[in-house]
Amino acid sequence: MKIRKFFAGTCRDALRQIREEIGPDAVVLSNRSVANGVEIVALAEEDLDALAGGDMPTHRPRPRPAQPIQPAAAAPAAVAGPTASAHDAAAASAFAQSMMGELQSMRGLLEEQVAGLVWNDKQRRSPAQGEILRTLLAAGFSAQLGRALLEHLPEGSDRDAGLDWVKNALKRNLPVMPNEDELMERGGVYALMGPTGVGKTTTTAKLAARCVMRHGAEKLALLTTDSYRIGGHEQLRIYGKILGVTVHAVKDATDLRLALTELRNKHMVLIDTVGMSQRDRTVPEQVAMLCGAETPVQRLLLLNATSHGDTLNEVVHAYRSASAEGGSDLAGCILTKLDETTNLGSVLDTVIRHRLPVHYVSTGQRVPENLHVADRQFLIDTALSAPVTGSPFVPAEEDLMAVVRGVDPNYSGLFAPAQPSGEACFG
């Protein structure tokens, strides 16, 4: 490793010296004006990597002929050289690391400045983009999805035309169950999963009521694995008694296999699972129990529409990762508590991001009136009807540049180029 200083009349001459003596990959550490021109400090790129990694080159001393033993008073002078050399190397390493930090900081600053200039240019060419972005943020959609949509927004669109295009793009990318008839006629075993308090038991009762109205109570059976919550069994048993449907409690994978074998003649079996936090380490065990049954179990994840987008993202990641270990993916999701949420965009952003089909939406506690088949038009229109003004959580027009500047641009790669119909789609 060798840090060198170059002196020349001009910067051009000094840089030419650096290229000739160190190479085109040399790293400039500093430069300053001196009496006769400029001084530039530089070193080779591999030496900088060694400094950043903390690896210092070692130099083995050359063999020397035997020297007569000097008096003890000369000992400090003998070690002064190596000590000074080690001190210089440590100082050079610290200086290089400091320079690397400053360079990274400058790079981040430049990237933010460039993003700001790009946003200002888009605002100049299409002033409606700011209003559309504020509408999306007010609805609860992420800044990433908002930026992805704006990058494909047709040039010259005003606010109304732009919002219509955004609605169509969101509807195209929002996955929903094609129709309820197919699910009800096909039947099978369905397990409702999700964090605590999301409404699994009530939603199980709502689904059970819809099935009873179509096929009769004798074609349906209810199972529960909720042995943790006090009264968990009893709540489902009350619903079962009202509907005239048998309710069975299972404790483990063996009980589940036996129960499903006994109920193989039922048209549909609904399983109410115990609520688990997405951070609970036993989530994979619960998924493995359901996947280990001899009868295929389709799992529906319940998502709380009042939760923050990051929380919903974490929930889907946790249950989908556990599903990957269990051998099969989630069949879809059910959105709950739509009657309690102000910003529906967060949960819609999550299902769009993860391509998780929405089967039903729950809008209250009444059984079965408050369970509805998912409808794209209704969900998107409801989300974008959130008020933009008056909310302390919606950024002002002048703050949008800072919001967009901090967004990861890689998210926009999820969108393919605009289709001939004018709609965006995922690639």
Protein backbone atom coordinates (compact mmCIF):
# COMPACT_ATOMS: atom_id res chain seq x y z
CA MET A 1 0.00 0.00 0.00
CA LYS A 2 1.30 3.42 -0.92
CA ILE A 3 -0.42 6.80 -0.67
CA ARG A 4 1.30 9.28 -3.00
CA LYS A 5 1.25 13.02 -3.51
CA PHE A 6 1.43 14.56 -6.96
CA PHE A 7 2.36 18.20 -7.66
CA ALA A 8 1.70 19.99 -10.95
CA GLY A 9 0.85 23.39 -12.33
CA THR A 10 -2.73 22.40 -13.18
CA CYS A 11 -5.20 19.69 -12.21
CA ARG A 12 -5.05 18.30 -15.74
CA ASP A 13 -1.28 17.78 -15.50
CA ALA A 14 -1.54 16.21 -12.04
CA LEU A 15 -4.27 13.77 -13.17
CA ARG A 16 -2.15 12.82 -16.18
CA GLN A 17 0.73 11.99 -13.83
CA ILE A 18 -1.61 9.86 -11.69
CA ARG A 19 -2.86 7.91 -14.71
CA GLU A 20 0.69 7.29 -15.94
CA GLU A 21 2.15 6.21 -12.60
CA ILE A 22 -0.76 4.53 -10.78
CA GLY A 23 -3.19 3.72 -13.57
CA PRO A 24 -6.67 4.75 -14.76
CA ASP A 25 -8.33 3.13 -11.69
CA ALA A 26 -6.53 5.35 -9.20
CA VAL A 27 -8.59 6.83 -6.37
CA VAL A 28 -8.16 10.53 -5.57
CA LEU A 29 -8.26 11.11 -1.81
CA SER A 30 -7.83 14.89 -1.68
CA ASN A 31 -6.68 17.93 -3.62
CA ARG A 32 -5.66 21.45 -2.65
CA SER A 33 -3.97 24.49 -4.08
CA VAL A 34 -0.32 25.11 -3.29
CA ALA A 35 2.15 27.84 -4.13
CA ASN A 36 3.18 26.48 -7.54
CA GLY A 37 -0.11 24.86 -8.59
CA VAL A 38 -2.08 21.95 -7.09
CA GLU A 39 -1.39 18.99 -4.85
CA ILE A 40 -3.39 15.75 -5.30
CA VAL A 41 -3.23 12.76 -2.95
CA ALA A 42 -4.08 9.42 -4.59
CA LEU A 43 -3.60 5.68 -4.27
CA ALA A 44 -4.35 2.55 -6.26
CA GLU A 45 -7.85 1.05 -6.06
CA GLU A 46 -6.67 -2.25 -4.62
CA ASP A 47 -4.87 -0.41 -1.84
CA LEU A 48 -8.11 1.44 -1.00
CA ASP A 49 -10.01 -1.87 -0.82
CA ALA A 50 -7.37 -3.19 1.55
CA LEU A 51 -7.71 -0.12 3.74
CA ALA A 52 -11.52 -0.30 3.80
CA GLY A 53 -11.42 -3.98 4.75
CA GLY A 54 -8.90 -3.38 7.48
CA ASP A 55 -6.28 -5.56 5.81
CA MET A 56 -2.86 -4.04 6.07
CA PRO A 57 -0.01 -5.38 3.97
CA THR A 58 2.78 -6.90 5.90
CA HIS A 59 6.42 -6.40 4.98
CA ARG A 60 8.95 -8.96 6.02
CA PRO A 61 12.29 -7.40 6.92
CA ARG A 62 15.22 -8.39 4.76
CA PRO A 63 17.91 -10.48 6.40
CA ARG A 64 20.69 -8.35 7.76
CA PRO A 65 24.23 -9.30 8.70
CA ALA A 66 24.88 -9.79 12.36
CA GLN A 67 25.42 -6.51 14.17
CA PRO A 68 27.26 -5.99 17.40
CA ILE A 69 25.04 -5.69 20.44
CA GLN A 70 24.37 -2.05 21.27
CA PRO A 71 23.96 -0.68 24.76
CA ALA A 72 20.48 -0.76 26.31
CA ALA A 73 20.10 3.00 25.87
CA ALA A 74 19.88 2.49 22.11
CA ALA A 75 16.82 0.18 22.33
CA PRO A 76 14.18 2.94 22.02
CA ALA A 77 15.79 4.16 18.83
CA ALA A 78 15.69 0.62 17.39
CA VAL A 79 11.90 0.28 17.82
CA ALA A 80 11.05 3.84 16.88
CA GLY A 81 11.03 3.03 13.15
CA PRO A 82 8.46 0.18 13.22
CA THR A 83 6.28 2.05 15.72
CA ALA A 84 6.16 5.14 13.53
CA SER A 85 5.40 3.00 10.47
CA ALA A 86 2.47 1.26 12.20
CA HIS A 87 1.15 4.61 13.38
CA ASP A 88 1.28 6.01 9.83
CA ALA A 89 -0.50 2.94 8.45
CA ALA A 90 -3.30 3.22 11.04
CA ALA A 91 -3.71 6.91 10.29
CA ALA A 92 -3.85 6.20 6.55
CA SER A 93 -6.48 3.49 7.10
CA ALA A 94 -8.63 5.81 9.19
CA PHE A 95 -8.27 8.56 6.59
CA ALA A 96 -9.29 6.19 3.77
CA GLN A 97 -12.34 4.97 5.66
CA SER A 98 -13.36 8.55 6.36
CA MET A 99 -13.03 9.39 2.68
CA MET A 100 -15.14 6.36 1.72
CA GLY A 101 -17.88 7.53 4.08
CA GLU A 102 -17.82 11.01 2.62
CA LEU A 103 -17.95 9.64 -0.94
CA GLN A 104 -20.97 7.47 -0.09
CA SER A 105 -22.69 10.43 1.53
CA MET A 106 -22.05 12.55 -1.55
CA ARG A 107 -23.43 9.78 -3.77
CA GLY A 108 -26.67 9.60 -1.75
CA LEU A 109 -27.02 13.36 -1.87
CA LEU A 110 -26.55 13.40 -5.65
CA GLU A 111 -29.12 10.63 -6.12
CA GLU A 112 -31.66 12.58 -4.06
CA GLN A 113 -30.96 15.74 -6.02
CA VAL A 114 -31.37 13.94 -9.35
CA ALA A 115 -34.66 12.37 -8.17
CA GLY A 116 -35.88 15.81 -7.17
CA LEU A 117 -35.00 17.26 -10.56
CA VAL A 118 -36.81 14.39 -12.34
CA TRP A 119 -39.92 14.94 -10.20
CA ASN A 120 -39.88 18.69 -10.86
CA ASP A 121 -39.62 18.03 -14.59
CA LYS A 122 -42.59 15.64 -14.46
CA GLN A 123 -44.60 18.15 -12.46
CA ARG A 124 -43.86 20.82 -15.04
CA ARG A 125 -44.98 18.58 -17.92
CA SER A 126 -47.96 17.09 -16.06
CA PRO A 127 -49.14 19.19 -13.09
CA ALA A 128 -51.93 16.70 -12.33
CA GLN A 129 -49.40 14.11 -11.15
CA GLY A 130 -49.04 15.81 -7.77
CA GLU A 131 -52.79 15.76 -7.16
CA ILE A 132 -53.06 12.11 -8.23
CA LEU A 133 -50.18 11.10 -5.96
CA ARG A 134 -51.77 12.89 -2.98
CA THR A 135 -55.04 11.06 -3.70
CA LEU A 136 -53.23 7.70 -3.68
CA LEU A 137 -51.36 8.50 -0.48
CA ALA A 138 -54.58 9.68 1.20
CA ALA A 139 -56.21 6.36 0.23
CA GLY A 140 -53.41 4.46 1.97
CA PHE A 141 -51.48 3.24 -1.06
CA SER A 142 -47.71 3.20 -0.71
CA ALA A 143 -45.50 5.85 -2.28
CA GLN A 144 -43.81 3.03 -4.22
CA LEU A 145 -47.02 1.95 -5.92
CA GLY A 146 -47.94 5.59 -6.50
CA ARG A 147 -44.65 6.29 -8.21
CA ALA A 148 -44.96 3.12 -10.30
CA LEU A 149 -48.36 4.24 -11.53
CA LEU A 150 -47.22 7.79 -12.27
CA GLU A 151 -44.30 6.55 -14.34
CA HIS A 152 -46.78 4.92 -16.72
CA LEU A 153 -49.39 7.67 -16.63
CA PRO A 154 -50.16 8.84 -20.19
CA GLU A 155 -48.54 12.16 -21.07
CA GLY A 156 -50.72 15.24 -20.80
CA SER A 157 -53.43 13.65 -18.63
CA ASP A 158 -55.44 16.03 -16.49
CA ARG A 159 -56.58 15.09 -12.98
CA ASP A 160 -59.84 13.39 -13.95
CA ALA A 161 -58.41 11.49 -16.90
CA GLY A 162 -55.37 10.50 -14.85
CA LEU A 163 -57.50 9.21 -11.97
CA ASP A 164 -59.61 7.18 -14.40
CA TRP A 165 -56.44 5.61 -15.81
CA VAL A 166 -55.16 4.89 -12.29
CA LYS A 167 -58.46 3.23 -11.32
CA ASN A 168 -58.34 1.02 -14.40
CA ALA A 169 -54.71 0.09 -13.73
CA LEU A 170 -55.48 -0.81 -10.11
CA LYS A 171 -58.55 -2.84 -11.10
CA ARG A 172 -56.50 -4.72 -13.67
CA ASN A 173 -53.86 -5.60 -11.08
CA LEU A 174 -56.18 -6.37 -8.14
CA PRO A 175 -56.64 -10.17 -8.01
CA VAL A 176 -60.08 -11.37 -6.91
CA MET A 177 -61.99 -14.64 -6.90
CA PRO A 178 -63.65 -15.06 -10.34
CA ASN A 179 -67.04 -15.99 -8.87
CA GLU A 180 -68.49 -17.57 -5.75
CA ASP A 181 -70.43 -20.22 -7.63
CA GLU A 182 -67.26 -22.05 -8.59
CA LEU A 183 -66.04 -22.14 -4.98
CA MET A 184 -69.37 -23.23 -3.53
CA GLU A 185 -70.01 -25.88 -6.15
CA ARG A 186 -66.49 -27.28 -5.95
CA GLY A 187 -66.56 -27.49 -2.17
CA GLY A 188 -63.59 -28.94 -0.29
CA VAL A 189 -61.76 -28.15 2.93
CA TYR A 190 -60.92 -24.54 3.76
CA ALA A 191 -58.88 -23.29 6.72
CA LEU A 192 -59.12 -19.67 7.81
CA MET A 193 -55.80 -18.37 9.15
CA GLY A 194 -54.43 -15.09 10.43
CA PRO A 195 -53.27 -13.07 13.43
CA THR A 196 -55.29 -12.78 16.62
CA GLY A 197 -58.38 -10.57 16.55
CA VAL A 198 -58.69 -10.46 12.77
CA GLY A 199 -62.16 -12.07 12.85
CA LYS A 200 -61.58 -15.70 11.90
CA THR A 201 -64.38 -17.25 13.98
CA THR A 202 -67.01 -14.73 12.88
CA THR A 203 -65.93 -15.04 9.25
CA THR A 204 -66.06 -18.85 9.52
CA ALA A 205 -69.67 -18.55 10.71
CA LYS A 206 -70.51 -16.20 7.82
CA LEU A 207 -69.06 -18.61 5.27
CA ALA A 208 -70.89 -21.49 6.94
CA ALA A 209 -74.19 -19.65 6.66
CA ARG A 210 -73.65 -18.98 2.94
CA CYS A 211 -72.88 -22.66 2.39
CA VAL A 212 -75.95 -23.80 4.38
CA MET A 213 -78.19 -21.55 2.30
CA ARG A 214 -76.90 -23.22 -0.86
CA HIS A 215 -76.43 -26.87 0.08
CA GLY A 216 -78.11 -27.39 3.46
CA ALA A 217 -76.68 -27.98 6.93
CA GLU A 218 -76.08 -31.69 6.36
CA LYS A 219 -73.47 -30.93 3.66
CA LEU A 220 -71.29 -28.81 5.93
CA ALA A 221 -69.04 -29.47 8.93
CA LEU A 222 -67.05 -27.08 11.14
CA LEU A 223 -63.69 -27.77 12.79
CA THR A 224 -61.78 -25.64 15.28
CA THR A 225 -58.16 -25.83 16.40
CA ASP A 226 -58.55 -22.93 18.88
CA SER A 227 -57.70 -24.52 22.21
CA TYR A 228 -55.87 -21.44 23.53
CA ARG A 229 -58.56 -18.79 23.69
CA ILE A 230 -61.04 -19.06 26.56
CA GLY A 231 -64.42 -19.87 25.08
CA GLY A 232 -62.99 -20.26 21.58
CA HIS A 233 -64.74 -23.61 21.06
CA GLU A 234 -68.00 -22.41 22.55
CA GLN A 235 -68.31 -19.41 20.26
CA LEU A 236 -68.14 -21.61 17.15
CA ARG A 237 -70.42 -24.23 18.77
CA ILE A 238 -73.09 -21.56 19.29
CA TYR A 239 -72.89 -20.58 15.62
CA GLY A 240 -73.03 -24.28 14.66
CA LYS A 241 -76.07 -24.87 16.83
CA ILE A 242 -77.88 -21.93 15.22
CA LEU A 243 -77.07 -23.23 11.74
CA GLY A 244 -77.67 -26.89 12.61
CA VAL A 245 -74.07 -27.82 11.72
CA THR A 246 -71.85 -30.20 13.68
CA VAL A 247 -68.69 -28.72 15.23
CA HIS A 248 -65.58 -30.77 15.98
CA ALA A 249 -62.51 -29.75 18.01
CA VAL A 250 -59.06 -31.02 16.99
CA LYS A 251 -55.83 -30.70 18.96
CA ASP A 252 -53.09 -31.89 16.62
CA ALA A 253 -52.31 -33.32 13.20
CA THR A 254 -53.53 -36.80 14.15
CA ASP A 255 -56.91 -35.48 15.29
CA LEU A 256 -57.18 -33.43 12.11
CA ARG A 257 -56.50 -36.42 9.85
CA LEU A 258 -59.06 -38.57 11.70
CA ALA A 259 -61.68 -35.83 11.64
CA LEU A 260 -61.26 -35.14 7.92
CA THR A 261 -61.45 -38.86 7.19
CA GLU A 262 -64.75 -39.12 9.08
CA LEU A 263 -66.09 -36.03 7.28
CA ARG A 264 -65.00 -37.03 3.79
CA ASN A 265 -68.62 -37.23 2.62
CA LYS A 266 -69.31 -33.59 3.49
CA HIS A 267 -69.47 -31.17 0.59
CA MET A 268 -67.54 -28.50 2.49
CA VAL A 269 -65.52 -28.41 5.70
CA LEU A 270 -64.48 -25.09 7.28
CA ILE A 271 -61.61 -24.97 9.80
CA ASP A 272 -61.36 -22.12 12.30
CA THR A 273 -57.68 -22.01 13.31
CA VAL A 274 -56.14 -20.47 16.41
CA GLY A 275 -54.99 -16.87 15.96
CA MET A 276 -51.23 -16.43 15.85
CA SER A 277 -49.04 -13.38 15.54
CA GLN A 278 -47.03 -13.27 12.34
CA ARG A 279 -43.93 -13.30 14.58
CA ASP A 280 -44.97 -16.44 16.43
CA ARG A 281 -42.47 -19.24 15.80
CA THR A 282 -45.26 -21.82 15.81
CA VAL A 283 -46.87 -20.46 12.62
CA PRO A 284 -44.92 -22.98 10.46
CA GLU A 285 -46.10 -25.78 12.76
CA GLN A 286 -49.72 -24.74 12.28
CA VAL A 287 -49.27 -24.66 8.50
CA ALA A 288 -47.49 -28.02 8.56
CA MET A 289 -50.39 -29.55 10.49
CA LEU A 290 -52.88 -28.39 7.85
CA CYS A 291 -50.66 -29.42 4.95
CA GLY A 292 -49.93 -32.81 6.54
CA ALA A 293 -53.54 -33.95 6.34
CA GLU A 294 -54.29 -36.59 3.73
CA THR A 295 -57.18 -34.44 2.48
CA PRO A 296 -56.06 -31.26 0.66
CA VAL A 297 -56.67 -28.16 2.76
CA GLN A 298 -56.93 -24.80 1.05
CA ARG A 299 -55.82 -21.95 3.28
CA LEU A 300 -57.35 -18.47 3.25
CA LEU A 301 -55.44 -15.69 5.01
CA LEU A 302 -57.52 -13.05 6.79
CA LEU A 303 -56.13 -9.50 6.55
CA ASN A 304 -57.25 -6.68 8.82
CA ALA A 305 -58.04 -3.66 6.63
CA THR A 306 -57.31 -1.29 9.54
CA SER A 307 -53.67 -2.41 9.85
CA HIS A 308 -50.69 -0.46 8.57
CA GLY A 309 -49.23 -1.52 5.25
CA ASP A 310 -45.92 -2.64 6.78
CA THR A 311 -47.81 -4.85 9.25
CA LEU A 312 -49.89 -6.42 6.49
CA ASN A 313 -46.78 -6.98 4.41
CA GLU A 314 -45.16 -8.76 7.36
CA VAL A 315 -48.25 -10.94 7.90
CA VAL A 316 -48.31 -12.10 4.28
CA HIS A 317 -44.56 -12.75 4.30
CA ALA A 318 -44.81 -14.82 7.49
CA TYR A 319 -47.73 -17.00 6.42
CA ARG A 320 -46.47 -17.34 2.86
CA SER A 321 -42.99 -18.37 4.03
CA ALA A 322 -44.55 -20.94 6.33
CA SER A 323 -46.65 -22.12 3.38
CA ALA A 324 -43.52 -22.59 1.28
CA GLU A 325 -42.10 -24.83 4.01
CA GLY A 326 -45.40 -26.69 4.22
CA GLY A 327 -45.49 -27.44 0.50
CA SER A 328 -48.39 -25.34 -0.89
CA ASP A 329 -49.17 -21.65 -1.24
CA LEU A 330 -52.08 -19.69 0.16
CA ALA A 331 -55.29 -20.08 -1.84
CA GLY A 332 -56.26 -16.46 -1.30
CA CYS A 333 -57.35 -13.99 1.35
CA ILE A 334 -60.38 -12.41 3.00
CA LEU A 335 -60.37 -8.72 3.94
CA THR A 336 -61.97 -7.95 7.30
CA LYS A 337 -63.03 -4.83 9.23
CA LEU A 338 -63.71 -2.73 6.13
CA ASP A 339 -66.32 -0.90 8.18
CA GLU A 340 -63.63 0.28 10.61
CA THR A 341 -60.91 1.43 8.22
CA THR A 342 -60.32 4.93 6.89
CA ASN A 343 -57.62 4.00 4.36
CA LEU A 344 -58.45 0.89 2.38
CA GLY A 345 -55.46 1.39 0.10
CA SER A 346 -52.97 -0.24 2.48
CA VAL A 347 -54.57 -3.68 2.31
CA LEU A 348 -55.24 -3.38 -1.44
CA ASP A 349 -51.61 -2.39 -1.98
CA THR A 350 -50.59 -5.53 -0.07
CA VAL A 351 -52.70 -7.97 -2.10
CA ILE A 352 -51.58 -6.32 -5.36
CA ARG A 353 -47.96 -6.56 -4.29
CA HIS A 354 -48.24 -10.23 -3.33
CA ARG A 355 -50.73 -11.25 -6.03
CA LEU A 356 -53.03 -12.74 -3.38
CA PRO A 357 -56.60 -13.23 -4.70
CA VAL A 358 -59.32 -11.62 -2.57
CA HIS A 359 -62.25 -13.99 -2.06
CA TYR A 360 -64.52 -12.07 0.32
CA VAL A 361 -64.67 -8.82 2.25
CA SER A 362 -66.22 -8.42 5.71
CA THR A 363 -67.99 -5.17 6.59
CA GLY A 364 -69.36 -5.84 10.08
CA GLN A 365 -70.34 -8.37 12.74
CA ARG A 366 -73.70 -9.50 11.41
CA VAL A 367 -73.86 -13.13 10.23
CA PRO A 368 -74.09 -13.65 7.30
CA GLU A 369 -75.20 -10.22 6.00
CA ASN A 370 -71.81 -8.52 6.40
CA LEU A 371 -69.82 -10.89 4.19
CA HIS A 372 -69.62 -10.03 0.49
CA VAL A 373 -67.90 -11.42 -2.57
CA ALA A 374 -64.92 -9.24 -3.49
CA ASP A 375 -65.67 -6.73 -6.26
CA ARG A 376 -62.84 -4.81 -7.92
CA GLN A 377 -64.89 -1.76 -8.79
CA PHE A 378 -66.28 -1.40 -5.28
CA LEU A 379 -62.89 -1.82 -3.59
CA ILE A 380 -61.01 0.65 -5.81
CA ASP A 381 -63.78 3.26 -5.75
CA THR A 382 -64.08 2.98 -1.96
CA ALA A 383 -60.33 3.32 -1.48
CA LEU A 384 -59.96 6.39 -3.70
CA SER A 385 -62.92 8.14 -2.09
CA ALA A 386 -60.85 8.90 1.03
CA PRO A 387 -60.64 12.67 1.70
CA VAL A 388 -57.37 14.29 0.67
CA THR A 389 -57.68 17.55 2.61
CA GLY A 390 -57.84 17.87 6.35
CA SER A 391 -55.67 14.86 7.16
CA PRO A 392 -52.39 15.45 9.03
CA PHE A 393 -50.99 12.25 7.45
CA VAL A 394 -51.30 13.36 3.81
CA PRO A 395 -48.24 15.33 2.61
CA ALA A 396 -48.76 18.80 1.23
CA GLU A 397 -48.09 19.59 -2.41
CA GLU A 398 -44.69 21.10 -1.62
CA ASP A 399 -43.65 18.01 0.35
CA LEU A 400 -44.30 15.49 -2.43
CA MET A 401 -40.81 15.83 -3.86
CA ALA A 402 -39.33 14.67 -0.55
CA VAL A 403 -41.75 11.72 -0.47
CA VAL A 404 -40.92 10.57 -4.00
CA ARG A 405 -37.21 11.20 -3.52
CA GLY A 406 -36.98 8.59 -0.79
CA VAL A 407 -38.83 5.86 -2.73
CA ASP A 408 -37.00 2.81 -4.04
CA PRO A 409 -37.34 3.08 -7.84
CA ASN A 410 -36.98 -0.69 -8.27
CA TYR A 411 -40.64 -1.17 -7.31
CA SER A 412 -41.71 0.37 -10.59
CA GLY A 413 -40.12 -2.59 -12.36
CA LEU A 414 -43.11 -4.65 -11.27
CA PHE A 415 -45.11 -2.85 -13.91
CA ALA A 416 -44.71 -3.79 -17.54
CA PRO A 417 -45.01 -1.07 -20.19
CA ALA A 418 -48.50 0.30 -20.70
CA GLN A 419 -50.80 -1.96 -22.67
CA PRO A 420 -52.62 -0.85 -25.86
CA SER A 421 -55.75 -0.45 -23.72
CA GLY A 422 -53.95 2.15 -21.65
CA GLU A 423 -53.76 -0.05 -18.55
CA ALA A 424 -50.64 -1.10 -16.74
CA CYS A 425 -49.98 -4.66 -15.73
CA PHE A 426 -47.41 -6.54 -13.74
CA GLY A 427 -44.56 -8.11 -15.62
